């Protein structure tokens, strides 16, 4: 299934770095949006209900959107259909 994965991060966030490494190890392509460098990304993360980073937005090809707050491996596995 085609999907888009966007991770809202900031450079000083340890869990952000861990999640990006984990996604890379799972061969999941993703877009890294640094909320410190781009205010529009910051506003998008706020609209997704973010109170911390990382915030991960997964958009499936059917348009379904899944938002995962924090680096929650179990939620990410479920959202990405990983076993």
Protein backbone atom coordinates (compact mmCIF):
# COMPACT_ATOMS: atom_id res chain seq x y z
CA UNK A 1 0.00 0.00 0.00
CA UNK A 2 1.36 3.41 -0.95
CA UNK A 3 1.57 5.85 1.91
CA UNK A 4 3.25 9.07 2.94
CA UNK A 5 5.09 9.28 6.25
CA UNK A 6 5.96 12.71 7.66
CA UNK A 7 7.89 13.06 10.92
CA UNK A 8 7.89 16.43 12.69
CA UNK A 9 11.16 16.71 14.61
CA UNK A 10 13.70 19.05 16.14
CA UNK A 11 17.48 18.62 16.32
CA UNK A 12 17.70 18.46 20.15
CA UNK A 13 15.04 15.72 20.44
CA UNK A 14 16.55 12.32 21.28
CA UNK A 15 13.37 10.32 20.56
CA UNK A 16 13.17 12.08 17.16
CA UNK A 17 16.62 10.80 16.22
CA UNK A 18 15.72 7.31 17.49
CA UNK A 19 12.52 7.22 15.45
CA UNK A 20 14.25 8.38 12.25
CA UNK A 21 16.90 5.67 12.71
CA UNK A 22 14.20 3.05 13.40
CA UNK A 23 12.17 4.05 10.30
CA UNK A 24 15.34 3.87 8.19
CA UNK A 25 16.12 0.39 9.59
CA UNK A 26 12.55 -0.70 8.68
CA UNK A 27 13.08 0.62 5.11
CA UNK A 28 10.19 3.08 5.56
CA UNK A 29 10.72 6.23 3.48
CA UNK A 30 9.74 9.39 5.34
CA UNK A 31 9.93 13.15 5.14
CA UNK A 32 11.71 14.83 8.06
CA UNK A 33 10.14 18.22 8.90
CA UNK A 34 12.26 20.23 11.36
CA UNK A 35 9.84 22.45 13.30
CA UNK A 36 12.70 24.73 14.42
CA UNK A 37 13.72 25.62 10.86
CA UNK A 38 10.26 26.14 9.39
CA UNK A 39 7.40 27.84 11.24
CA UNK A 40 4.86 26.32 8.83
CA UNK A 41 5.98 22.84 9.96
CA UNK A 42 5.67 23.99 13.59
CA UNK A 43 2.09 25.14 12.92
CA UNK A 44 1.26 21.85 11.15
CA UNK A 45 2.53 19.87 14.16
CA UNK A 46 0.41 22.01 16.51
CA UNK A 47 -2.66 21.36 14.32
CA UNK A 48 -2.00 17.63 14.67
CA UNK A 49 -2.26 18.04 18.45
CA UNK A 50 1.46 18.00 19.17
CA UNK A 51 2.72 18.95 22.59
CA UNK A 52 6.11 17.32 21.98
CA UNK A 53 8.18 15.81 19.18
CA UNK A 54 8.31 13.56 17.34
CA UNK A 55 4.88 13.66 15.80
CA UNK A 56 4.37 11.25 12.93
CA UNK A 57 1.68 11.70 10.27
CA UNK A 58 0.93 8.66 8.14
CA UNK A 59 -1.36 9.20 5.15
CA UNK A 60 -2.50 5.99 3.46
CA UNK A 61 -3.40 5.89 -0.21
CA UNK A 62 -7.12 5.79 0.68
CA UNK A 63 -6.70 9.15 2.43
CA UNK A 64 -6.81 7.75 5.96
CA UNK A 65 -4.60 9.78 8.31
CA UNK A 66 -2.96 8.32 11.39
CA UNK A 67 -1.12 10.53 13.89
CA UNK A 68 1.37 9.03 16.35
CA UNK A 69 2.62 11.25 19.20
CA UNK A 70 6.08 10.50 20.52
CA UNK A 71 8.27 7.60 19.43
CA UNK A 72 5.75 4.82 20.11
CA UNK A 73 7.13 1.74 18.33
CA UNK A 74 4.01 -0.36 18.89
CA UNK A 75 1.67 2.31 17.51
CA UNK A 76 3.99 2.89 14.55
CA UNK A 77 4.20 -0.84 13.79
CA UNK A 78 0.42 -1.08 13.82
CA UNK A 79 -0.05 2.05 11.68
CA UNK A 80 2.59 0.90 9.17
CA UNK A 81 1.36 -2.73 9.09
CA UNK A 82 4.68 -4.10 10.36
CA UNK A 83 4.76 -7.36 12.26
